[in-house]
Amino acid sequence: MKEIVLDTETTGLSVENGHRIIEIGCIELEDQILTSNRFHCYLNPQRKVSEEAFKVHGYSDEFLSDKKKFHEIADDFLKFIDGTKLVIHNAQFDLSHLNNELKLLGKKPILKDQVIDTLDLAREKFPGSQISLDALCKRFRIDNSKRKLHTALIDCELLSKVYVNLIDQKEPKLNFSEKNDNMEINKSSKISFCKDIIQPSSNELNEHQNFLKRSLKKNYF
């Protein structure tokens, strides 16, 4: 089963106020295990980043000015997520911005039934508790020290770990190495299930034979 963990960063909170997407991050899970398959891009939003948003992610207008526009990456993005479930934290926010971008291009929206919202999972599992991504990382003892600012790929990696904990799956601990863009089990991680066989010495064999002889004599004479 393949799922895509997805996160976006934007110029501001509200689509109604004309805010746009500036970063998309996606990483693939297969049977709740991270693969090397991912999609990531920065985008030129063709408008200024709000001061509030800049404080959250730190992407300046200058940094974004030479990046691709959404219409240039839309087909690659849609191909990447096609036919998979999307795992998103607070999906309403990301979907509203993604579907706004798709609407501007005359493309079909991403439907809610394609999405697993980890905010809903957390709200059901921990009613009344804090359920932000940082709060859930703390609850599940997930190291989020790299999250100085909100960035799509880091947030996706953290969310993937939060997600497997929310659905009560143990986080995989297998040792993987990357080769030819595929995840293969490292040969060094093989486990030997054969116990060492220790051969008896000649002296031990002689003592064993003598023990058998004494036992037979005792039982029959």
Protein backbone atom coordinates (compact mmCIF):
# COMPACT_ATOMS: atom_id res chain seq x y z
CA MET A 1 0.00 0.00 0.00
CA LYS A 2 1.45 3.34 -1.08
CA GLU A 3 0.68 6.66 0.60
CA ILE A 4 2.07 10.15 0.07
CA VAL A 5 2.85 12.41 3.03
CA LEU A 6 2.32 15.98 1.82
CA ASP A 7 2.97 19.47 3.13
CA THR A 8 2.90 22.97 1.65
CA GLU A 9 4.17 26.40 2.59
CA THR A 10 2.35 29.52 1.41
CA THR A 11 2.56 33.31 1.22
CA GLY A 12 -0.16 33.56 3.87
CA LEU A 13 -3.15 31.88 5.44
CA SER A 14 -6.10 32.76 3.25
CA VAL A 15 -6.81 31.81 -0.36
CA GLU A 16 -9.59 34.42 -0.29
CA ASN A 17 -6.92 37.09 0.21
CA GLY A 18 -4.99 35.88 -2.82
CA HIS A 19 -2.29 33.89 -1.06
CA ARG A 20 -0.39 31.30 -3.05
CA ILE A 21 1.78 28.20 -2.59
CA ILE A 22 5.55 28.69 -2.42
CA GLU A 23 6.71 25.15 -1.53
CA ILE A 24 5.39 21.62 -1.98
CA GLY A 25 6.96 18.59 -0.31
CA CYS A 26 5.89 14.97 -0.76
CA ILE A 27 7.46 11.74 0.44
CA GLU A 28 6.24 8.24 -0.29
CA LEU A 29 5.36 5.56 2.23
CA GLU A 30 5.02 1.93 1.23
CA ASP A 31 3.34 -0.16 3.93
CA GLN A 32 4.12 2.73 6.34
CA ILE A 33 7.85 2.57 5.50
CA LEU A 34 9.63 5.57 3.98
CA THR A 35 10.95 5.06 0.45
CA SER A 36 13.42 7.23 -1.46
CA ASN A 37 10.63 8.43 -3.76
CA ARG A 38 9.83 12.09 -3.16
CA PHE A 39 8.64 15.27 -4.88
CA HIS A 40 9.82 18.72 -3.84
CA CYS A 41 9.81 22.19 -5.33
CA TYR A 42 9.93 25.87 -4.43
CA LEU A 43 7.54 28.11 -6.35
CA ASN A 44 7.35 31.72 -7.45
CA PRO A 45 3.94 32.82 -6.12
CA GLN A 46 3.84 35.96 -8.26
CA ARG A 47 3.00 38.02 -5.19
CA LYS A 48 4.70 39.11 -1.98
CA VAL A 49 5.12 36.86 1.04
CA SER A 50 3.29 38.22 4.08
CA GLU A 51 5.35 39.18 7.12
CA GLU A 52 3.53 36.60 9.25
CA ALA A 53 4.28 33.79 6.78
CA PHE A 54 7.92 34.83 6.44
CA LYS A 55 8.33 34.45 10.22
CA VAL A 56 7.02 30.88 9.93
CA HIS A 57 9.07 29.56 6.97
CA GLY A 58 11.72 32.21 6.22
CA TYR A 59 11.32 32.19 2.41
CA SER A 60 11.87 35.70 1.08
CA ASP A 61 10.51 37.29 -2.10
CA GLU A 62 14.06 37.46 -3.44
CA PHE A 63 14.66 33.75 -2.83
CA LEU A 64 11.43 32.79 -4.61
CA SER A 65 11.75 35.21 -7.53
CA ASP A 66 13.64 32.82 -9.85
CA LYS A 67 11.70 29.65 -8.97
CA LYS A 68 9.23 27.88 -11.25
CA LYS A 69 5.57 28.82 -11.29
CA PHE A 70 2.89 26.33 -10.28
CA HIS A 71 1.70 25.73 -13.85
CA GLU A 72 5.21 24.53 -14.76
CA ILE A 73 5.20 21.73 -12.18
CA ALA A 74 1.47 20.93 -11.98
CA ASP A 75 1.49 17.88 -14.27
CA ASP A 76 4.55 16.33 -12.56
CA PHE A 77 2.95 16.92 -9.16
CA LEU A 78 -0.37 15.38 -10.16
CA LYS A 79 1.40 12.39 -11.69
CA PHE A 80 3.34 11.84 -8.45
CA ILE A 81 0.23 11.76 -6.25
CA ASP A 82 -2.04 9.97 -8.72
CA GLY A 83 -3.89 6.99 -7.27
CA THR A 84 -2.48 7.31 -3.75
CA LYS A 85 -3.82 8.36 -0.38
CA LEU A 86 -2.45 11.69 0.82
CA VAL A 87 -1.42 12.00 4.47
CA ILE A 88 -1.70 15.66 5.53
CA HIS A 89 -1.75 17.45 8.88
CA ASN A 90 -4.62 19.97 8.87
CA ALA A 91 -5.62 18.97 5.36
CA GLN A 92 -8.20 21.74 5.00
CA PHE A 93 -5.42 24.33 4.79
CA ASP A 94 -3.25 22.50 2.24
CA LEU A 95 -6.18 21.37 0.11
CA SER A 96 -7.65 24.86 -0.08
CA HIS A 97 -4.38 26.21 -1.48
CA LEU A 98 -3.67 23.25 -3.76
CA ASN A 99 -7.18 23.24 -5.19
CA ASN A 100 -7.03 26.99 -5.70
CA GLU A 101 -3.87 26.56 -7.79
CA LEU A 102 -5.48 23.71 -9.74
CA LYS A 103 -8.66 25.75 -10.29
CA LEU A 104 -6.62 28.61 -11.77
CA LEU A 105 -5.31 26.12 -14.33
CA GLY A 106 -8.71 24.60 -15.04
CA LYS A 107 -7.73 21.25 -13.53
CA LYS A 108 -9.79 18.92 -11.33
CA PRO A 109 -9.52 19.40 -7.55
CA ILE A 110 -8.04 16.91 -5.10
CA LEU A 111 -10.98 15.25 -3.37
CA LYS A 112 -11.29 14.89 0.40
CA ASP A 113 -11.76 11.12 0.15
CA GLN A 114 -8.20 10.91 -1.21
CA VAL A 115 -6.87 12.38 2.04
CA ILE A 116 -6.04 11.09 5.52
CA ASP A 117 -5.98 14.06 7.89
CA THR A 118 -3.67 13.34 10.82
CA LEU A 119 -5.22 16.28 12.67
CA ASP A 120 -8.52 14.35 12.73
CA LEU A 121 -6.72 11.15 13.80
CA ALA A 122 -5.00 13.00 16.64
CA ARG A 123 -8.20 14.78 17.72
CA GLU A 124 -9.98 11.42 17.97
CA LYS A 125 -7.08 9.68 19.73
CA PHE A 126 -6.25 12.48 22.17
CA PRO A 127 -9.41 14.54 22.73
CA GLY A 128 -8.76 17.83 24.49
CA SER A 129 -4.97 17.60 24.08
CA GLN A 130 -2.64 19.72 21.98
CA ILE A 131 -2.40 18.20 18.52
CA SER A 132 -0.03 20.44 16.60
CA LEU A 133 2.79 18.67 14.78
CA ASP A 134 5.28 19.82 17.43
CA ALA A 135 3.00 18.65 20.25
CA LEU A 136 2.58 15.21 18.65
CA CYS A 137 6.34 14.89 18.11
CA LYS A 138 6.80 15.57 21.82
CA ARG A 139 4.11 13.05 22.77
CA PHE A 140 5.67 10.31 20.63
CA ARG A 141 9.27 11.30 21.54
CA ILE A 142 10.14 12.14 17.93
CA ASP A 143 13.19 14.37 17.55
CA ASN A 144 12.05 17.61 15.89
CA SER A 145 15.15 19.66 16.69
CA LYS A 146 15.75 20.29 12.96
CA ARG A 147 12.44 22.11 12.74
CA LYS A 148 13.72 25.62 13.42
CA LEU A 149 11.36 26.95 10.72
CA HIS A 150 8.49 25.27 8.88
CA THR A 151 9.80 23.63 5.71
CA ALA A 152 7.80 21.17 3.63
CA LEU A 153 10.20 18.22 3.49
CA ILE A 154 11.21 18.33 7.16
CA ASP A 155 7.56 18.57 8.13
CA CYS A 156 6.76 15.60 5.87
CA GLU A 157 9.46 13.48 7.49
CA LEU A 158 8.21 14.34 10.98
CA LEU A 159 4.60 13.76 9.97
CA SER A 160 5.41 10.33 8.55
CA LYS A 161 6.70 9.28 12.00
CA VAL A 162 3.73 10.84 13.77
CA TYR A 163 1.36 9.07 11.37
CA VAL A 164 2.67 5.55 12.02
CA ASN A 165 2.34 6.21 15.74
CA LEU A 166 -1.20 7.54 15.39
CA ILE A 167 -2.31 4.39 13.58
CA ASP A 168 -0.53 2.25 16.21
CA GLN A 169 2.10 0.89 13.85
CA LYS A 170 5.62 0.45 15.16
CA GLU A 171 8.04 2.70 13.35
CA PRO A 172 10.33 0.53 11.17
CA LYS A 173 13.84 0.08 12.51
CA LEU A 174 15.28 -1.80 9.52
CA ASN A 175 18.70 -0.80 8.23
CA PHE A 176 18.25 0.47 4.68
CA SER A 177 20.80 1.69 2.16
CA GLU A 178 20.02 3.67 -0.98
CA LYS A 179 21.13 2.22 -4.29
CA ASN A 180 20.03 3.14 -7.79
CA ASP A 181 17.18 5.19 -6.34
CA ASN A 182 15.67 2.05 -4.80
CA MET A 183 15.61 1.03 -1.17
CA GLU A 184 17.39 -2.29 -0.66
CA ILE A 185 18.20 -4.12 2.52
CA ASN A 186 21.86 -3.62 3.37
CA LYS A 187 23.74 -6.90 3.24
CA SER A 188 25.45 -5.96 6.49
CA SER A 189 22.07 -6.13 8.24
CA LYS A 190 21.71 -9.90 7.71
CA ILE A 191 21.01 -11.80 10.88
CA SER A 192 22.41 -15.27 11.40
CA PHE A 193 19.89 -17.59 12.97
CA CYS A 194 22.33 -20.61 13.28
CA LYS A 195 23.89 -21.28 16.65
CA ASP A 196 27.60 -22.07 16.80
CA ILE A 197 28.28 -25.82 16.87
CA ILE A 198 30.98 -26.79 19.38
CA GLN A 199 32.58 -30.20 18.79
CA PRO A 200 33.56 -32.25 21.91
CA SER A 201 37.24 -32.98 22.48
CA SER A 202 38.63 -36.54 22.36
CA ASN A 203 39.03 -36.48 26.15
CA GLU A 204 35.38 -35.49 26.59
CA LEU A 205 34.31 -38.30 24.25
CA ASN A 206 36.33 -40.87 26.27
CA GLU A 207 34.85 -39.66 29.54
CA HIS A 208 31.36 -39.91 28.04
CA GLN A 209 31.98 -43.51 26.92
CA ASN A 210 33.26 -44.46 30.36
CA PHE A 211 30.19 -42.87 31.94
CA LEU A 212 27.90 -44.97 29.70
CA LYS A 213 29.78 -48.17 30.58
CA ARG A 214 29.51 -47.49 34.32
CA SER A 215 25.78 -46.75 33.96
CA LEU A 216 25.14 -49.97 32.04
CA LYS A 217 27.08 -52.07 34.57
CA LYS A 218 25.19 -50.52 37.45
CA ASN A 219 21.79 -51.17 35.85
CA TYR A 220 22.36 -54.73 34.67
CA PHE A 221 24.77 -56.28 37.24
